[in-house]
PDB file of all heavy atoms in Angstrom:
ATOM      1  N   LEU A   1       4.004 -12.396 -16.124  1.00  0.00           N
ATOM      2  CA  LEU A   1       4.573 -12.996 -14.941  1.00  0.00           C
ATOM      3  C   LEU A   1       5.719 -13.994 -15.247  1.00  0.00           C
ATOM      4  O   LEU A   1       6.695 -14.172 -14.454  1.00  0.00           O
ATOM      5  CB  LEU A   1       3.460 -13.722 -14.171  1.00  0.00           C
ATOM      6  CG  LEU A   1       3.899 -14.400 -12.851  1.00  0.00           C
ATOM      7  CD1 LEU A   1       4.488 -13.363 -11.891  1.00  0.00           C
ATOM      8  CD2 LEU A   1       2.705 -15.134 -12.237  1.00  0.00           C
ATOM      9  N   ALA A   2       5.646 -14.603 -16.395  1.00  0.00           N
ATOM     10  CA  ALA A   2       6.675 -15.616 -16.778  1.00  0.00           C
ATOM     11  C   ALA A   2       8.015 -14.951 -17.015  1.00  0.00           C
ATOM     12  O   ALA A   2       9.035 -15.678 -17.124  1.00  0.00           O
ATOM     13  CB  ALA A   2       6.243 -16.343 -17.986  1.00  0.00           C
ATOM     14  N   ALA A   3       8.048 -13.658 -17.051  1.00  0.00           N
ATOM     15  CA  ALA A   3       9.372 -12.925 -17.251  1.00  0.00           C
ATOM     16  C   ALA A   3      10.027 -12.638 -15.933  1.00  0.00           C
ATOM     17  O   ALA A   3      11.006 -11.847 -15.884  1.00  0.00           O
ATOM     18  CB  ALA A   3       9.140 -11.599 -18.018  1.00  0.00           C
ATOM     19  N   LEU A   4       9.597 -13.281 -14.859  1.00  0.00           N
ATOM     20  CA  LEU A   4      10.173 -12.968 -13.526  1.00  0.00           C
ATOM     21  C   LEU A   4      11.673 -13.225 -13.448  1.00  0.00           C
ATOM     22  O   LEU A   4      12.226 -14.099 -14.187  1.00  0.00           O
ATOM     23  CB  LEU A   4       9.425 -13.800 -12.416  1.00  0.00           C
ATOM     24  CG  LEU A   4       9.446 -15.307 -12.557  1.00  0.00           C
ATOM     25  CD1 LEU A   4      10.654 -15.877 -11.824  1.00  0.00           C
ATOM     26  CD2 LEU A   4       8.170 -15.964 -11.906  1.00  0.00           C
ATOM     27  N   ALA A   5      12.287 -12.421 -12.594  1.00  0.00           N
ATOM     28  CA  ALA A   5      13.761 -12.508 -12.538  1.00  0.00           C
ATOM     29  C   ALA A   5      14.253 -13.056 -11.208  1.00  0.00           C
ATOM     30  O   ALA A   5      15.504 -13.250 -11.078  1.00  0.00           O
ATOM     31  CB  ALA A   5      14.322 -11.071 -12.776  1.00  0.00           C
ATOM     32  N   THR A   6      13.436 -13.246 -10.193  1.00  0.00           N
ATOM     33  CA  THR A   6      13.848 -13.802  -8.966  1.00  0.00           C
ATOM     34  C   THR A   6      14.576 -15.176  -9.227  1.00  0.00           C
ATOM     35  O   THR A   6      13.950 -15.968  -9.946  1.00  0.00           O
ATOM     36  CB  THR A   6      12.686 -13.993  -7.955  1.00  0.00           C
ATOM     37  OG1 THR A   6      12.210 -12.743  -7.639  1.00  0.00           O
ATOM     38  CG2 THR A   6      13.132 -14.720  -6.721  1.00  0.00           C
ATOM     39  N   ARG A   7      15.690 -15.392  -8.689  1.00  0.00           N
ATOM     40  CA  ARG A   7      16.534 -16.550  -8.985  1.00  0.00           C
ATOM     41  C   ARG A   7      16.642 -17.545  -7.823  1.00  0.00           C
ATOM     42  O   ARG A   7      16.795 -17.137  -6.696  1.00  0.00           O
ATOM     43  CB  ARG A   7      17.911 -16.080  -9.361  1.00  0.00           C
ATOM     44  CG  ARG A   7      18.921 -17.146  -9.837  1.00  0.00           C
ATOM     45  CD  ARG A   7      18.551 -17.703 -11.201  1.00  0.00           C
ATOM     46  NE  ARG A   7      18.486 -16.631 -12.234  1.00  0.00           N
ATOM     47  CZ  ARG A   7      19.575 -16.235 -12.905  1.00  0.00           C
ATOM     48  NH1 ARG A   7      20.759 -16.867 -12.655  1.00  0.00           N
ATOM     49  NH2 ARG A   7      19.484 -15.312 -13.800  1.00  0.00           N
ATOM     50  N   ALA A   8      16.420 -18.853  -8.091  1.00  0.00           N
ATOM     51  CA  ALA A   8      16.642 -19.874  -7.118  1.00  0.00           C
ATOM     52  C   ALA A   8      17.839 -20.683  -7.578  1.00  0.00           C
ATOM     53  O   ALA A   8      17.819 -21.286  -8.663  1.00  0.00           O
ATOM     54  CB  ALA A   8      15.348 -20.745  -7.012  1.00  0.00           C
ATOM     55  N   THR A   9      18.854 -20.745  -6.735  1.00  0.00           N
ATOM     56  CA  THR A   9      20.066 -21.444  -7.104  1.00  0.00           C
ATOM     57  C   THR A   9      20.182 -22.708  -6.243  1.00  0.00           C
ATOM     58  O   THR A   9      20.029 -22.659  -5.023  1.00  0.00           O
ATOM     59  CB  THR A   9      21.304 -20.541  -6.880  1.00  0.00           C
ATOM     60  OG1 THR A   9      21.164 -19.374  -7.631  1.00  0.00           O
ATOM     61  CG2 THR A   9      22.551 -21.278  -7.316  1.00  0.00           C
ATOM     62  N   LYS A  10      20.450 -23.867  -6.846  1.00  0.00           N
ATOM     63  CA  LYS A  10      20.534 -25.085  -6.070  1.00  0.00           C
ATOM     64  C   LYS A  10      21.729 -25.146  -5.229  1.00  0.00           C
ATOM     65  O   LYS A  10      22.855 -24.801  -5.666  1.00  0.00           O
ATOM     66  CB  LYS A  10      20.581 -26.311  -7.104  1.00  0.00           C
ATOM     67  CG  LYS A  10      20.436 -27.653  -6.377  1.00  0.00           C
ATOM     68  CD  LYS A  10      19.022 -27.791  -5.808  1.00  0.00           C
ATOM     69  CE  LYS A  10      18.824 -29.130  -5.092  1.00  0.00           C
ATOM     70  NZ  LYS A  10      19.398 -29.103  -3.751  1.00  0.00           N
ATOM     71  N   VAL A  11      21.552 -25.470  -3.919  1.00  0.00           N
ATOM     72  CA  VAL A  11      22.656 -25.627  -3.007  1.00  0.00           C
ATOM     73  C   VAL A  11      22.427 -26.887  -2.250  1.00  0.00           C
ATOM     74  O   VAL A  11      21.410 -27.544  -2.370  1.00  0.00           O
ATOM     75  CB  VAL A  11      22.730 -24.391  -2.029  1.00  0.00           C
ATOM     76  CG1 VAL A  11      23.128 -23.092  -2.759  1.00  0.00           C
ATOM     77  CG2 VAL A  11      21.410 -24.283  -1.233  1.00  0.00           C
ATOM     78  N   ASP A  12      23.346 -27.210  -1.349  1.00  0.00           N
ATOM     79  CA  ASP A  12      23.205 -28.479  -0.588  1.00  0.00           C
ATOM     80  C   ASP A  12      21.970 -28.428   0.278  1.00  0.00           C
ATOM     81  O   ASP A  12      21.814 -27.555   1.141  1.00  0.00           O
ATOM     82  CB  ASP A  12      24.442 -28.670   0.259  1.00  0.00           C
ATOM     83  CG  ASP A  12      24.506 -30.011   0.974  1.00  0.00           C
ATOM     84  OD1 ASP A  12      23.941 -30.963   0.389  1.00  0.00           O
ATOM     85  OD2 ASP A  12      25.055 -30.122   2.049  1.00  0.00           O
ATOM     86  N   GLY A  13      21.071 -29.397   0.068  1.00  0.00           N
ATOM     87  CA  GLY A  13      19.863 -29.504   0.939  1.00  0.00           C
ATOM     88  C   GLY A  13      18.688 -28.609   0.583  1.00  0.00           C
ATOM     89  O   GLY A  13      17.659 -28.632   1.220  1.00  0.00           O
ATOM     90  N   GLY A  14      18.924 -27.739  -0.483  1.00  0.00           N
ATOM     91  CA  GLY A  14      17.811 -26.834  -0.790  1.00  0.00           C
ATOM     92  C   GLY A  14      18.139 -25.852  -1.867  1.00  0.00           C
ATOM     93  O   GLY A  14      18.918 -26.154  -2.807  1.00  0.00           O
ATOM     94  N   TRP A  15      17.624 -24.647  -1.757  1.00  0.00           N
ATOM     95  CA  TRP A  15      17.739 -23.606  -2.719  1.00  0.00           C
ATOM     96  C   TRP A  15      18.074 -22.293  -2.050  1.00  0.00           C
ATOM     97  O   TRP A  15      17.510 -22.005  -1.008  1.00  0.00           O
ATOM     98  CB  TRP A  15      16.475 -23.453  -3.571  1.00  0.00           C
ATOM     99  CG  TRP A  15      16.087 -24.762  -4.289  1.00  0.00           C
ATOM    100  CD1 TRP A  15      15.446 -25.878  -3.784  1.00  0.00           C
ATOM    101  CD2 TRP A  15      16.352 -25.071  -5.726  1.00  0.00           C
ATOM    102  NE1 TRP A  15      15.368 -26.837  -4.774  1.00  0.00           N
ATOM    103  CE2 TRP A  15      15.871 -26.342  -5.920  1.00  0.00           C
ATOM    104  CE3 TRP A  15      16.943 -24.381  -6.771  1.00  0.00           C
ATOM    105  CZ2 TRP A  15      15.973 -26.982  -7.186  1.00  0.00           C
ATOM    106  CZ3 TRP A  15      17.047 -24.944  -7.990  1.00  0.00           C
ATOM    107  CH2 TRP A  15      16.539 -26.224  -8.197  1.00  0.00           C
ATOM    108  N   ARG A  16      18.869 -21.525  -2.758  1.00  0.00           N
ATOM    109  CA  ARG A  16      19.177 -20.121  -2.279  1.00  0.00           C
ATOM    110  C   ARG A  16      18.469 -19.155  -3.196  1.00  0.00           C
ATOM    111  O   ARG A  16      18.700 -19.164  -4.438  1.00  0.00           O
ATOM    112  CB  ARG A  16      20.662 -19.906  -2.322  1.00  0.00           C
ATOM    113  CG  ARG A  16      21.152 -18.621  -1.643  1.00  0.00           C
ATOM    114  CD  ARG A  16      21.055 -18.767  -0.117  1.00  0.00           C
ATOM    115  NE  ARG A  16      21.991 -19.827   0.334  1.00  0.00           N
ATOM    116  CZ  ARG A  16      21.969 -20.244   1.617  1.00  0.00           C
ATOM    117  NH1 ARG A  16      21.098 -19.718   2.569  1.00  0.00           N
ATOM    118  NH2 ARG A  16      22.773 -21.162   2.039  1.00  0.00           N
ATOM    119  N   ILE A  17      17.642 -18.333  -2.646  1.00  0.00           N
ATOM    120  CA  ILE A  17      16.733 -17.491  -3.405  1.00  0.00           C
ATOM    121  C   ILE A  17      17.077 -15.946  -3.230  1.00  0.00           C
ATOM    122  O   ILE A  17      17.205 -15.493  -2.115  1.00  0.00           O
ATOM    123  CB  ILE A  17      15.236 -17.695  -3.061  1.00  0.00           C
ATOM    124  CG1 ILE A  17      14.925 -19.198  -3.475  1.00  0.00           C
ATOM    125  CG2 ILE A  17      14.374 -16.742  -3.800  1.00  0.00           C
ATOM    126  CD1 ILE A  17      13.473 -19.580  -3.160  1.00  0.00           C
ATOM    127  N   ASN A  18      17.182 -15.295  -4.363  1.00  0.00           N
ATOM    128  CA  ASN A  18      17.439 -13.852  -4.381  1.00  0.00           C
ATOM    129  C   ASN A  18      16.536 -13.157  -5.318  1.00  0.00           C
ATOM    130  O   ASN A  18      16.326 -13.661  -6.454  1.00  0.00           O
ATOM    131  CB  ASN A  18      18.893 -13.568  -4.747  1.00  0.00           C
ATOM    132  CG  ASN A  18      19.899 -13.921  -3.720  1.00  0.00           C
ATOM    133  OD1 ASN A  18      20.184 -13.138  -2.799  1.00  0.00           O
ATOM    134  ND2 ASN A  18      20.491 -15.128  -3.845  1.00  0.00           N
ATOM    135  N   GLY A  19      15.852 -12.101  -4.897  1.00  0.00           N
ATOM    136  CA  GLY A  19      14.955 -11.360  -5.775  1.00  0.00           C
ATOM    137  C   GLY A  19      14.112 -10.361  -5.098  1.00  0.00           C
ATOM    138  O   GLY A  19      14.358  -9.968  -3.917  1.00  0.00           O
ATOM    139  N   HIS A  20      13.173  -9.818  -5.806  1.00  0.00           N
ATOM    140  CA  HIS A  20      12.367  -8.685  -5.324  1.00  0.00           C
ATOM    141  C   HIS A  20      10.934  -8.887  -5.826  1.00  0.00           C
ATOM    142  O   HIS A  20      10.675  -8.931  -7.022  1.00  0.00           O
ATOM    143  CB  HIS A  20      12.967  -7.392  -5.937  1.00  0.00           C
ATOM    144  CG  HIS A  20      12.192  -6.149  -5.599  1.00  0.00           C
ATOM    145  ND1 HIS A  20      12.426  -4.937  -6.218  1.00  0.00           N
ATOM    146  CD2 HIS A  20      11.208  -5.918  -4.692  1.00  0.00           C
ATOM    147  CE1 HIS A  20      11.654  -4.012  -5.745  1.00  0.00           C
ATOM    148  NE2 HIS A  20      10.849  -4.582  -4.852  1.00  0.00           N
ATOM    149  N   LYS A  21       9.998  -9.021  -4.874  1.00  0.00           N
ATOM    150  CA  LYS A  21       8.556  -9.142  -5.219  1.00  0.00           C
ATOM    151  C   LYS A  21       7.800  -7.890  -4.796  1.00  0.00           C
ATOM    152  O   LYS A  21       8.244  -7.102  -3.956  1.00  0.00           O
ATOM    153  CB  LYS A  21       8.006 -10.399  -4.448  1.00  0.00           C
ATOM    154  CG  LYS A  21       8.641 -11.712  -4.817  1.00  0.00           C
ATOM    155  CD  LYS A  21       8.334 -12.152  -6.229  1.00  0.00           C
ATOM    156  CE  LYS A  21       8.914 -13.440  -6.605  1.00  0.00           C
ATOM    157  NZ  LYS A  21       8.614 -13.910  -7.918  1.00  0.00           N
ATOM    158  N   ILE A  22       6.647  -7.653  -5.468  1.00  0.00           N
ATOM    159  CA  ILE A  22       5.902  -6.468  -5.202  1.00  0.00           C
ATOM    160  C   ILE A  22       4.446  -6.759  -5.238  1.00  0.00           C
ATOM    161  O   ILE A  22       3.990  -7.763  -5.805  1.00  0.00           O
ATOM    162  CB  ILE A  22       6.330  -5.358  -6.232  1.00  0.00           C
ATOM    163  CG1 ILE A  22       5.907  -3.959  -5.696  1.00  0.00           C
ATOM    164  CG2 ILE A  22       5.752  -5.619  -7.599  1.00  0.00           C
ATOM    165  CD1 ILE A  22       6.511  -2.833  -6.484  1.00  0.00           C
ATOM    166  N   TRP A  23       3.658  -5.821  -4.622  1.00  0.00           N
ATOM    167  CA  TRP A  23       2.178  -5.929  -4.560  1.00  0.00           C
ATOM    168  C   TRP A  23       1.788  -7.243  -3.775  1.00  0.00           C
ATOM    169  O   TRP A  23       0.819  -7.850  -4.131  1.00  0.00           O
ATOM    170  CB  TRP A  23       1.541  -5.904  -5.916  1.00  0.00           C
ATOM    171  CG  TRP A  23       1.921  -4.739  -6.737  1.00  0.00           C
ATOM    172  CD1 TRP A  23       2.526  -4.713  -7.950  1.00  0.00           C
ATOM    173  CD2 TRP A  23       1.799  -3.343  -6.431  1.00  0.00           C
ATOM    174  NE1 TRP A  23       2.777  -3.459  -8.375  1.00  0.00           N
ATOM    175  CE2 TRP A  23       2.358  -2.595  -7.510  1.00  0.00           C
ATOM    176  CE3 TRP A  23       1.272  -2.664  -5.257  1.00  0.00           C
ATOM    177  CZ2 TRP A  23       2.339  -1.168  -7.447  1.00  0.00           C
ATOM    178  CZ3 TRP A  23       1.332  -1.297  -5.296  1.00  0.00           C
ATOM    179  CH2 TRP A  23       1.822  -0.570  -6.368  1.00  0.00           C
ATOM    180  N   THR A  24       2.586  -7.620  -2.822  1.00  0.00           N
ATOM    181  CA  THR A  24       2.324  -8.832  -2.046  1.00  0.00           C
ATOM    182  C   THR A  24       1.322  -8.515  -0.889  1.00  0.00           C
ATOM    183  O   THR A  24       1.734  -7.987   0.127  1.00  0.00           O
ATOM    184  CB  THR A  24       3.612  -9.428  -1.544  1.00  0.00           C
ATOM    185  OG1 THR A  24       4.534  -9.590  -2.589  1.00  0.00           O
ATOM    186  CG2 THR A  24       3.311 -10.778  -0.898  1.00  0.00           C
ATOM    187  N   SER A  25       0.119  -8.940  -1.093  1.00  0.00           N
ATOM    188  CA  SER A  25      -0.916  -8.757  -0.052  1.00  0.00           C
ATOM    189  C   SER A  25      -0.565  -9.567   1.219  1.00  0.00           C
ATOM    190  O   SER A  25      -0.131 -10.746   1.092  1.00  0.00           O
ATOM    191  CB  SER A  25      -2.331  -9.143  -0.563  1.00  0.00           C
ATOM    192  OG  SER A  25      -2.619  -8.429  -1.732  1.00  0.00           O
ATOM    193  N   SER A  26      -0.716  -8.997   2.368  1.00  0.00           N
ATOM    194  CA  SER A  26      -0.618  -9.624   3.636  1.00  0.00           C
ATOM    195  C   SER A  26       0.768 -10.205   4.003  1.00  0.00           C
ATOM    196  O   SER A  26       0.922 -10.990   4.928  1.00  0.00           O
ATOM    197  CB  SER A  26      -1.656 -10.808   3.762  1.00  0.00           C
ATOM    198  OG  SER A  26      -2.940 -10.295   3.511  1.00  0.00           O
ATOM    199  N   ALA A  27       1.772  -9.771   3.249  1.00  0.00           N
ATOM    200  CA  ALA A  27       3.179 -10.262   3.549  1.00  0.00           C
ATOM    201  C   ALA A  27       3.577  -9.866   4.955  1.00  0.00           C
ATOM    202  O   ALA A  27       4.338 -10.590   5.579  1.00  0.00           O
ATOM    203  CB  ALA A  27       4.119  -9.700   2.610  1.00  0.00           C
ATOM    204  N   GLN A  28       3.011  -8.784   5.462  1.00  0.00           N
ATOM    205  CA  GLN A  28       3.430  -8.313   6.815  1.00  0.00           C
ATOM    206  C   GLN A  28       3.025  -9.210   7.922  1.00  0.00           C
ATOM    207  O   GLN A  28       3.528  -9.114   8.999  1.00  0.00           O
ATOM    208  CB  GLN A  28       3.015  -6.834   7.007  1.00  0.00           C
ATOM    209  CG  GLN A  28       1.492  -6.672   7.252  1.00  0.00           C
ATOM    210  CD  GLN A  28       0.627  -6.647   6.049  1.00  0.00           C
ATOM    211  OE1 GLN A  28       1.030  -7.093   4.965  1.00  0.00           O
ATOM    212  NE2 GLN A  28      -0.510  -5.920   6.158  1.00  0.00           N
ATOM    213  N   ARG A  29       1.992  -9.988   7.679  1.00  0.00           N
ATOM    214  CA  ARG A  29       1.435 -10.883   8.698  1.00  0.00           C
ATOM    215  C   ARG A  29       1.475 -12.357   8.350  1.00  0.00           C
ATOM    216  O   ARG A  29       0.872 -13.211   9.073  1.00  0.00           O
ATOM    217  CB  ARG A  29       0.054 -10.441   9.149  1.00  0.00           C
ATOM    218  CG  ARG A  29      -0.984 -10.348   8.041  1.00  0.00           C
ATOM    219  CD  ARG A  29      -2.323  -9.920   8.570  1.00  0.00           C
ATOM    220  NE  ARG A  29      -3.265  -9.775   7.532  1.00  0.00           N
ATOM    221  CZ  ARG A  29      -3.531  -8.660   6.890  1.00  0.00           C
ATOM    222  NH1 ARG A  29      -2.875  -7.563   7.198  1.00  0.00           N
ATOM    223  NH2 ARG A  29      -4.484  -8.577   5.950  1.00  0.00           N
ATOM    224  N   ALA A  30       2.023 -12.709   7.251  1.00  0.00           N
ATOM    225  CA  ALA A  30       1.968 -14.019   6.726  1.00  0.00           C
ATOM    226  C   ALA A  30       3.002 -14.938   7.407  1.00  0.00           C
ATOM    227  O   ALA A  30       4.163 -14.448   7.720  1.00  0.00           O
ATOM    228  CB  ALA A  30       2.209 -14.086   5.211  1.00  0.00           C
ATOM    229  N   ASP A  31       2.705 -16.174   7.621  1.00  0.00           N
ATOM    230  CA  ASP A  31       3.586 -17.142   8.188  1.00  0.00           C
ATOM    231  C   ASP A  31       4.332 -17.866   7.008  1.00  0.00           C
ATOM    232  O   ASP A  31       5.546 -18.188   7.105  1.00  0.00           O
ATOM    233  CB  ASP A  31       2.831 -18.201   8.988  1.00  0.00           C
ATOM    234  CG  ASP A  31       2.163 -17.614  10.180  1.00  0.00           C
ATOM    235  OD1 ASP A  31       2.840 -17.152  11.079  1.00  0.00           O
ATOM    236  OD2 ASP A  31       0.914 -17.584  10.242  1.00  0.00           O
ATOM    237  N   TYR A  32       3.644 -18.120   5.913  1.00  0.00           N
ATOM    238  CA  TYR A  32       4.178 -18.765   4.708  1.00  0.00           C
ATOM    239  C   TYR A  32       3.788 -18.045   3.473  1.00  0.00           C
ATOM    240  O   TYR A  32       2.788 -17.352   3.487  1.00  0.00           O
ATOM    241  CB  TYR A  32       3.768 -20.179   4.673  1.00  0.00           C
ATOM    242  CG  TYR A  32       4.410 -21.098   5.722  1.00  0.00           C
ATOM    243  CD1 TYR A  32       3.757 -21.332   6.920  1.00  0.00           C
ATOM    244  CD2 TYR A  32       5.679 -21.683   5.483  1.00  0.00           C
ATOM    245  CE1 TYR A  32       4.388 -22.126   7.875  1.00  0.00           C
ATOM    246  CE2 TYR A  32       6.241 -22.495   6.451  1.00  0.00           C
ATOM    247  CZ  TYR A  32       5.598 -22.665   7.656  1.00  0.00           C
ATOM    248  OH  TYR A  32       6.195 -23.501   8.612  1.00  0.00           O
ATOM    249  N   GLY A  33       4.594 -18.259   2.419  1.00  0.00           N
ATOM    250  CA  GLY A  33       4.288 -17.653   1.131  1.00  0.00           C
ATOM    251  C   GLY A  33       4.526 -18.584  -0.043  1.00  0.00           C
ATOM    252  O   GLY A  33       5.482 -19.404   0.133  1.00  0.00           O
ATOM    253  N   ALA A  34       3.669 -18.551  -1.008  1.00  0.00           N
ATOM    254  CA  ALA A  34       4.013 -19.278  -2.221  1.00  0.00           C
ATOM    255  C   ALA A  34       4.789 -18.453  -3.149  1.00  0.00           C
ATOM    256  O   ALA A  34       4.377 -17.366  -3.444  1.00  0.00           O
ATOM    257  CB  ALA A  34       2.634 -19.686  -2.881  1.00  0.00           C
ATOM    258  N   LEU A  35       5.915 -18.921  -3.580  1.00  0.00           N
ATOM    259  CA  LEU A  35       6.923 -18.045  -4.311  1.00  0.00           C
ATOM    260  C   LEU A  35       7.308 -18.697  -5.637  1.00  0.00           C
ATOM    261  O   LEU A  35       7.612 -19.919  -5.683  1.00  0.00           O
ATOM    262  CB  LEU A  35       8.155 -17.814  -3.470  1.00  0.00           C
ATOM    263  CG  LEU A  35       9.254 -16.982  -4.070  1.00  0.00           C
ATOM    264  CD1 LEU A  35       9.898 -16.027  -3.083  1.00  0.00           C
ATOM    265  CD2 LEU A  35      10.396 -17.865  -4.642  1.00  0.00           C
ATOM    266  N   LEU A  36       7.332 -17.883  -6.654  1.00  0.00           N
ATOM    267  CA  LEU A  36       7.836 -18.355  -7.954  1.00  0.00           C
ATOM    268  C   LEU A  36       9.251 -17.829  -8.131  1.00  0.00           C
ATOM    269  O   LEU A  36       9.526 -16.624  -7.941  1.00  0.00           O
ATOM    270  CB  LEU A  36       6.969 -17.830  -9.103  1.00  0.00           C
ATOM    271  CG  LEU A  36       5.477 -18.365  -9.164  1.00  0.00           C
ATOM    272  CD1 LEU A  36       4.846 -17.755 -10.345  1.00  0.00           C
ATOM    273  CD2 LEU A  36       5.404 -19.869  -9.127  1.00  0.00           C
ATOM    274  N   ALA A  37      10.148 -18.671  -8.571  1.00  0.00           N
ATOM    275  CA  ALA A  37      11.529 -18.221  -8.828  1.00  0.00           C
ATOM    276  C   ALA A  37      12.065 -19.040 -10.002  1.00  0.00           C
ATOM    277  O   ALA A  37      11.708 -20.162 -10.278  1.00  0.00           O
ATOM    278  CB  ALA A  37      12.404 -18.422  -7.567  1.00  0.00           C
ATOM    279  N   ARG A  38      13.050 -18.319 -10.714  1.00  0.00           N
ATOM    280  CA  ARG A  38      13.627 -18.982 -11.901  1.00  0.00           C
ATOM    281  C   ARG A  38      14.674 -19.948 -11.467  1.00  0.00           C
ATOM    282  O   ARG A  38      15.682 -19.588 -10.819  1.00  0.00           O
ATOM    283  CB  ARG A  38      14.193 -17.924 -12.851  1.00  0.00           C
ATOM    284  CG  ARG A  38      14.582 -18.494 -14.210  1.00  0.00           C
ATOM    285  CD  ARG A  38      14.667 -17.378 -15.251  1.00  0.00           C
ATOM    286  NE  ARG A  38      13.379 -16.684 -15.398  1.00  0.00           N
ATOM    287  CZ  ARG A  38      12.342 -17.151 -16.015  1.00  0.00           C
ATOM    288  NH1 ARG A  38      12.370 -18.373 -16.594  1.00  0.00           N
ATOM    289  NH2 ARG A  38      11.221 -16.501 -16.125  1.00  0.00           N
ATOM    290  N   THR A  39      14.501 -21.235 -11.752  1.00  0.00           N
ATOM    291  CA  THR A  39      15.451 -22.326 -11.384  1.00  0.00           C
ATOM    292  C   THR A  39      16.378 -22.608 -12.482  1.00  0.00           C
ATOM    293  O   THR A  39      17.478 -23.241 -12.279  1.00  0.00           O
ATOM    294  CB  THR A  39      14.644 -23.540 -10.947  1.00  0.00           C
ATOM    295  OG1 THR A  39      13.741 -23.907 -11.973  1.00  0.00           O
ATOM    296  CG2 THR A  39      13.945 -23.309  -9.650  1.00  0.00           C
ATOM    297  N   ASP A  40      16.006 -22.370 -13.736  1.00  0.00           N
ATOM    298  CA  ASP A  40      16.872 -22.632 -14.894  1.00  0.00           C
ATOM    299  C   ASP A  40      16.842 -21.468 -15.863  1.00  0.00           C
ATOM    300  O   ASP A  40      15.917 -21.340 -16.712  1.00  0.00           O
ATOM    301  CB  ASP A  40      16.384 -23.925 -15.587  1.00  0.00           C
ATOM    302  CG  ASP A  40      17.292 -24.322 -16.755  1.00  0.00           C
ATOM    303  OD1 ASP A  40      18.267 -23.596 -17.090  1.00  0.00           O
ATOM    304  OD2 ASP A  40      17.052 -25.382 -17.367  1.00  0.00           O
ATOM    305  N   PRO A  41      17.781 -20.540 -15.842  1.00  0.00           N
ATOM    306  CA  PRO A  41      17.761 -19.417 -16.642  1.00  0.00           C
ATOM    307  C   PRO A  41      18.015 -19.648 -18.138  1.00  0.00           C
ATOM    308  O   PRO A  41      17.764 -18.839 -18.995  1.00  0.00           O
ATOM    309  CB  PRO A  41      18.938 -18.573 -16.110  1.00  0.00           C
ATOM    310  CG  PRO A  41      19.862 -19.527 -15.427  1.00  0.00           C
ATOM    311  CD  PRO A  41      18.963 -20.639 -14.882  1.00  0.00           C
ATOM    312  N   THR A  42      18.422 -20.950 -18.461  1.00  0.00           N
ATOM    313  CA  THR A  42      18.642 -21.276 -19.868  1.00  0.00           C
ATOM    314  C   THR A  42      17.366 -21.820 -20.533  1.00  0.00           C
ATOM    315  O   THR A  42      17.303 -21.917 -21.777  1.00  0.00           O
ATOM    316  CB  THR A  42      19.728 -22.320 -19.981  1.00  0.00           C
ATOM    317  OG1 THR A  42      19.290 -23.565 -19.336  1.00  0.00           O
ATOM    318  CG2 THR A  42      21.062 -21.809 -19.309  1.00  0.00           C
ATOM    319  N   ALA A  43      16.381 -22.179 -19.729  1.00  0.00           N
ATOM    320  CA  ALA A  43      15.148 -22.775 -20.279  1.00  0.00           C
ATOM    321  C   ALA A  43      14.191 -21.698 -20.812  1.00  0.00           C
ATOM    322  O   ALA A  43      14.373 -20.552 -20.403  1.00  0.00           O
ATOM    323  CB  ALA A  43      14.434 -23.625 -19.202  1.00  0.00           C
ATOM    324  N   ARG A  44      13.265 -22.058 -21.642  1.00  0.00           N
ATOM    325  CA  ARG A  44      12.229 -21.102 -22.027  1.00  0.00           C
ATOM    326  C   ARG A  44      11.485 -20.586 -20.803  1.00  0.00           C
ATOM    327  O   ARG A  44      11.329 -21.266 -19.864  1.00  0.00           O
ATOM    328  CB  ARG A  44      11.262 -21.763 -23.049  1.00  0.00           C
ATOM    329  CG  ARG A  44      11.814 -22.161 -24.329  1.00  0.00           C
ATOM    330  CD  ARG A  44      10.866 -22.900 -25.197  1.00  0.00           C
ATOM    331  NE  ARG A  44       9.700 -22.041 -25.501  1.00  0.00           N
ATOM    332  CZ  ARG A  44       8.654 -22.433 -26.215  1.00  0.00           C
ATOM    333  NH1 ARG A  44       8.617 -23.699 -26.735  1.00  0.00           N
ATOM    334  NH2 ARG A  44       7.688 -21.648 -26.521  1.00  0.00           N
ATOM    335  N   LYS A  45      11.103 -19.326 -20.898  1.00  0.00           N
ATOM    336  CA  LYS A  45      10.663 -18.628 -19.660  1.00  0.00           C
ATOM    337  C   LYS A  45       9.534 -19.317 -18.878  1.00  0.00           C
ATOM    338  O   LYS A  45       9.540 -19.270 -17.661  1.00  0.00           O
ATOM    339  CB  LYS A  45      10.325 -17.178 -19.900  1.00  0.00           C
ATOM    340  CG  LYS A  45       9.111 -16.902 -20.829  1.00  0.00           C
ATOM    341  CD  LYS A  45       8.883 -15.417 -20.973  1.00  0.00           C
ATOM    342  CE  LYS A  45       7.641 -15.122 -21.761  1.00  0.00           C
ATOM    343  NZ  LYS A  45       7.408 -13.639 -21.815  1.00  0.00           N
ATOM    344  N   HIS A  46       8.649 -19.991 -19.577  1.00  0.00           N
ATOM    345  CA  HIS A  46       7.613 -20.731 -18.830  1.00  0.00           C
ATOM    346  C   HIS A  46       8.047 -22.007 -18.279  1.00  0.00           C
ATOM    347  O   HIS A  46       7.393 -22.605 -17.432  1.00  0.00           O
ATOM    348  CB  HIS A  46       6.421 -20.958 -19.778  1.00  0.00           C
ATOM    349  CG  HIS A  46       5.646 -19.688 -20.189  1.00  0.00           C
ATOM    350  ND1 HIS A  46       6.049 -18.961 -21.275  1.00  0.00           N
ATOM    351  CD2 HIS A  46       4.606 -19.076 -19.663  1.00  0.00           C
ATOM    352  CE1 HIS A  46       5.206 -17.936 -21.383  1.00  0.00           C
ATOM    353  NE2 HIS A  46       4.317 -17.989 -20.439  1.00  0.00           N
TER     354      HIS A  46
END
C-alpha cells in the first residue's frame, strides 16, 4: 500500500487530489471516505 501513486498537491486553502482507487467497498453509497494520497513524492514512501 505504501507504493500508492495518488497525488495530493498543495493549493490555496487545501489540496488538489488526482488518482485512481480500486476495491473500494460501499463507495457508491458513501457520504465520506478516508483517503491516502502522496503529499511529498521526494520523501521515503512511508
